[in-house]
Each structure stands twice: as structure tokens, then as C-alpha cells.
Amino acid sequence: MAAPIQSPTKCEVFSVIRFLNAKGERPAGIHKQIVAVYGNVMNRQNVTKWCHEFSKGRADVHDEQRSGRPSLISYNLLHETDGEIRANRCVMIRELHHIIPEVSKTTIHEIVTENLGYRKLCTSWVPKMLMDDHKMKRMGSALKFLTHYAQEGDEFLDSSVTGDETWVFTTLLNSNNSHCNGTIRIPPEPKYSKLQFQ
């Protein structure tokens, strides 16, 4: 038996259902044939539903657009959020929510991390992607290491310290915000009140 077809499109599977339904096959038989050729890409209830649709006269094998819940994320909202972050890289999600109150904190977090591609680094939002100058520095460092390795051989590896792919760069931040001035704050010791038990 031939290997199943990997990753079929929906319209391809719907076309097979339409064809076999027109030949008079029963939904259970159509489902068995689909599973044999494509793998488990559709359950029997959906095959039955599509057979019913094609029997009623439907000819289109493309799935219809669903209305669904409209996205709250618009170009203007992305632009406004990006502007606020660029104005103050230390702004927190909570503060952004106060500035843009019409959307939830969860949506703002999604905009900042997924749509705009920022992440927090030392309480400052920085882009996830490497800029051209960062790529050039990375390439220069790699060539420098290769040159040292070519000259010194395995002895060079004994003196090397390796790490992960994270690149950390420093930025001097000028701000009056205590959480954003580039210094590390050590919180004072917590003060516990003594409970008097009687």
C-alpha cells in the first residue's frame, strides 16, 4: 500500500468527498477511504456534514469565510503602542493600559510581544530582532574566533567560554523612574510586625 499523502489542503479533501458522494458512496465508506489515503485529517461527522451539503446542491469545495470575533488590534493601535514604547522604553504593560484604556492588558501584552516583537530586557523594551550593526558585530566576532582557532588549534578551545545565543547589549538610560535608571535596587529588609498572642 502506498504511503498516505501528507498535509492535504481542505479543498482537496472536500473535492474527494464531493466526487465519492456523487458516485453514491456512503459517508462511512468515504471516511474510510479518506483515512486510508490522507490519514486522520477529518472525522466521520464532518464527512457526513459535507456529504449532506453536497447532496443539497453545494458545488463550492472551498470553506466559507467565518465572521468570528473581530480583532481589536488595528494599525492605529499598533502605531500608538509602538510610539509609547519608543518614547519611554521602560513603560510597563500596566502603564500602557492606563494610556490606552480601551483595550485590555492581555491585548496590550499581545501587541507588544507578538505583533511588535518586543521583549523585556533589564526593565526596558527592546526589539527581538538583530539590527544590521548587531549582525555585523556577530559576524566579526565569529571570524575573529575562527582566525584564532586556525592559528592556535585546540588550545584555543581550552581557553574559550561558551554560552547560548543570547546577545546582551547595554544601554544607558536617563530617567527619573527608579525602575528604569539602570541601577540595581536592593529592597530593604521586610519589616514584620510582632503579633501579640494572648
Protein backbone atom coordinates (compact mmCIF):
# COMPACT_ATOMS: atom_id res chain seq x y z
CA MET A 1 0.00 0.00 0.00
CA ALA A 2 1.24 3.49 -0.84
CA ALA A 3 2.19 5.95 1.89
CA PRO A 4 -0.55 8.40 2.89
CA ILE A 5 -0.50 11.85 1.28
CA GLN A 6 0.95 14.33 3.77
CA SER A 7 -0.69 17.69 4.51
CA PRO A 8 -3.57 17.75 2.02
CA THR A 9 -5.42 21.02 1.52
CA LYS A 10 -9.01 21.26 2.73
CA CYS A 11 -10.37 21.83 -0.75
CA GLU A 12 -8.58 18.68 -1.94
CA VAL A 13 -10.29 16.57 0.74
CA PHE A 14 -13.64 18.29 0.06
CA SER A 15 -13.25 17.53 -3.67
CA VAL A 16 -12.73 13.84 -2.90
CA ILE A 17 -15.84 13.86 -0.67
CA ARG A 18 -17.84 15.56 -3.42
CA PHE A 19 -16.63 13.07 -6.04
CA LEU A 20 -17.29 9.97 -3.94
CA ASN A 21 -20.65 11.35 -2.78
CA ALA A 22 -21.64 11.89 -6.45
CA LYS A 23 -20.70 8.25 -7.14
CA GLY A 24 -23.17 7.18 -4.43
CA GLU A 25 -20.71 6.20 -1.71
CA ARG A 26 -21.96 6.30 1.87
CA PRO A 27 -20.30 8.76 4.33
CA ALA A 28 -18.79 5.91 6.40
CA GLY A 29 -17.16 4.45 3.27
CA ILE A 30 -15.92 7.87 2.17
CA HIS A 31 -14.39 8.41 5.61
CA LYS A 32 -12.57 5.04 5.42
CA GLN A 33 -11.12 5.91 2.02
CA ILE A 34 -10.02 9.39 3.18
CA VAL A 35 -8.28 7.91 6.24
CA ALA A 36 -6.56 5.30 4.04
CA VAL A 37 -5.18 7.89 1.62
CA TYR A 38 -4.75 11.06 3.70
CA GLY A 39 -4.54 9.79 7.26
CA ASN A 40 -6.85 11.02 10.00
CA VAL A 41 -7.46 14.52 8.59
CA MET A 42 -11.23 14.64 9.13
CA ASN A 43 -13.64 12.87 11.48
CA ARG A 44 -16.68 10.93 10.29
CA GLN A 45 -19.17 13.56 11.47
CA ASN A 46 -17.56 16.21 9.26
CA VAL A 47 -17.52 13.84 6.28
CA THR A 48 -21.26 13.25 6.85
CA LYS A 49 -21.88 17.00 7.11
CA TRP A 50 -20.05 17.68 3.84
CA CYS A 51 -21.85 14.81 2.09
CA HIS A 52 -25.13 16.35 3.19
CA GLU A 53 -24.01 19.79 1.92
CA PHE A 54 -23.03 18.38 -1.50
CA SER A 55 -26.27 16.37 -1.71
CA LYS A 56 -28.25 19.61 -1.16
CA GLY A 57 -26.54 21.10 -4.21
CA ARG A 58 -23.44 22.81 -2.92
CA ALA A 59 -20.76 22.90 -5.62
CA ASP A 60 -18.04 25.02 -3.97
CA VAL A 61 -15.31 22.96 -2.31
CA HIS A 62 -13.70 25.95 -0.61
CA ASP A 63 -14.53 26.61 3.03
CA GLU A 64 -16.52 29.79 3.58
CA GLN A 65 -15.08 32.75 5.45
CA ARG A 66 -16.20 32.78 9.05
CA SER A 67 -17.13 36.01 10.72
CA GLY A 68 -15.67 35.09 14.10
CA ARG A 69 -14.76 37.67 16.67
CA PRO A 70 -13.26 40.79 15.12
CA SER A 71 -9.69 41.59 16.05
CA LEU A 72 -9.23 44.55 18.35
CA ILE A 73 -5.72 45.09 17.04
CA SER A 74 -5.69 47.77 14.38
CA TYR A 75 -2.89 49.62 12.61
CA ASN A 76 -3.60 52.76 14.66
CA LEU A 77 -3.41 50.80 17.92
CA LEU A 78 -0.12 49.19 16.87
CA HIS A 79 1.27 52.60 15.88
CA GLU A 80 0.15 54.24 19.14
CA THR A 81 1.57 51.43 21.29
CA ASP A 82 4.87 51.43 19.40
CA GLY A 83 5.09 55.22 19.80
CA GLU A 84 4.55 55.00 23.55
CA ILE A 85 7.24 52.32 23.89
CA ARG A 86 9.73 54.30 21.80
CA ALA A 87 9.04 57.40 23.90
CA ASN A 88 9.65 55.51 27.15
CA ARG A 89 11.35 52.13 26.78
CA CYS A 90 10.73 51.44 30.47
CA VAL A 91 6.97 51.70 30.26
CA MET A 92 5.12 48.77 31.79
CA ILE A 93 2.08 46.97 30.45
CA ARG A 94 0.04 48.40 33.34
CA GLU A 95 1.10 51.94 32.39
CA LEU A 96 0.30 51.30 28.73
CA HIS A 97 -3.14 50.16 29.83
CA HIS A 98 -3.67 53.50 31.60
CA ILE A 99 -2.54 55.35 28.47
CA ILE A 100 -4.66 53.19 26.13
CA PRO A 101 -7.63 52.19 28.33
CA GLU A 102 -9.89 50.96 25.50
CA VAL A 103 -8.07 47.59 25.29
CA SER A 104 -7.27 45.04 27.98
CA LYS A 105 -3.86 44.39 29.48
CA THR A 106 -3.81 40.98 27.81
CA THR A 107 -4.37 42.53 24.38
CA ILE A 108 -1.67 45.14 25.04
CA HIS A 109 0.74 42.39 26.09
CA GLU A 110 -0.08 40.51 22.86
CA ILE A 111 0.52 43.66 20.79
CA VAL A 112 3.86 44.39 22.46
CA THR A 113 5.29 40.86 22.46
CA GLU A 114 3.76 39.21 19.39
CA ASN A 115 2.81 41.95 16.94
CA LEU A 116 5.58 44.47 17.64
CA GLY A 117 8.15 41.83 18.62
CA TYR A 118 9.46 43.44 21.81
CA ARG A 119 10.69 41.70 24.92
CA LYS A 120 11.73 42.98 28.32
CA LEU A 121 15.46 43.26 28.91
CA CYS A 122 16.52 44.78 32.23
CA THR A 123 13.14 46.54 32.54
CA SER A 124 13.46 48.05 29.09
CA TRP A 125 11.58 47.02 25.93
CA VAL A 126 13.99 46.10 23.13
CA PRO A 127 13.29 44.65 19.69
CA LYS A 128 13.77 40.88 19.43
CA MET A 129 15.37 41.02 16.01
CA LEU A 130 19.03 41.83 15.47
CA MET A 131 19.78 45.05 13.68
CA ASP A 132 22.37 45.23 10.88
CA ASP A 133 25.09 46.55 13.17
CA HIS A 134 24.45 43.70 15.63
CA LYS A 135 24.69 41.20 12.78
CA MET A 136 27.98 42.75 11.66
CA LYS A 137 29.40 42.56 15.21
CA ARG A 138 28.28 38.94 15.46
CA MET A 139 29.90 38.11 12.10
CA GLY A 140 33.10 39.93 13.10
CA SER A 141 33.28 38.01 16.39
CA ALA A 142 32.73 34.69 14.60
CA LEU A 143 35.50 35.44 12.08
CA LYS A 144 37.83 36.50 14.90
CA PHE A 145 37.20 33.22 16.74
CA LEU A 146 37.77 31.20 13.57
CA THR A 147 41.04 33.03 12.93
CA HIS A 148 42.24 32.32 16.49
CA TYR A 149 41.23 28.68 16.14
CA ALA A 150 43.11 28.37 12.83
CA GLN A 151 46.25 29.81 14.46
CA GLU A 152 46.13 28.09 17.87
CA GLY A 153 44.17 24.90 17.21
CA ASP A 154 42.58 23.00 20.09
CA GLU A 155 44.45 25.06 22.68
CA PHE A 156 42.22 27.98 21.76
CA LEU A 157 39.15 25.91 22.70
CA ASP A 158 40.56 25.25 26.17
CA SER A 159 40.60 28.99 26.87
CA SER A 160 37.11 29.70 25.45
CA VAL A 161 33.95 30.15 27.44
CA THR A 162 30.77 29.29 25.57
CA GLY A 163 27.19 30.38 26.13
CA ASP A 164 23.83 30.39 24.46
CA GLU A 165 22.70 32.50 21.52
CA THR A 166 21.51 35.40 23.70
CA TRP A 167 23.20 38.68 22.90
CA VAL A 168 23.16 41.25 25.64
CA PHE A 169 23.97 44.85 24.97
CA THR A 170 23.95 47.71 27.41
CA THR A 171 22.09 50.96 27.13
CA LEU A 172 22.48 53.95 29.38
CA LEU A 173 19.05 55.02 30.47
CA ASN A 174 18.34 58.54 31.65
CA SER A 175 15.11 58.64 33.54
CA ASN A 176 13.75 59.68 36.88
CA ASN A 177 11.88 56.39 37.21
CA SER A 178 13.54 54.28 39.88
CA HIS A 179 12.71 51.08 37.98
CA CYS A 180 14.40 52.39 34.85
CA ASN A 181 17.52 54.29 35.82
CA GLY A 182 19.93 51.46 35.12
CA THR A 183 20.80 50.84 38.76
CA ILE A 184 20.02 47.74 40.72
CA ARG A 185 17.84 48.45 43.70
CA ILE A 186 18.12 46.16 46.67
CA PRO A 187 14.86 46.21 48.55
CA PRO A 188 15.08 46.87 52.29
CA GLU A 189 14.57 44.02 54.67
CA PRO A 190 10.87 43.36 55.20
CA LYS A 191 9.53 44.60 58.48
CA TYR A 192 7.29 42.14 60.19
CA SER A 193 5.06 43.29 62.96
CA LYS A 194 5.21 41.17 66.07
CA LEU A 195 1.94 39.53 66.79
CA GLN A 196 0.88 39.50 70.37
CA PHE A 197 -0.87 36.32 71.34
CA GLN A 198 -2.96 36.37 74.43
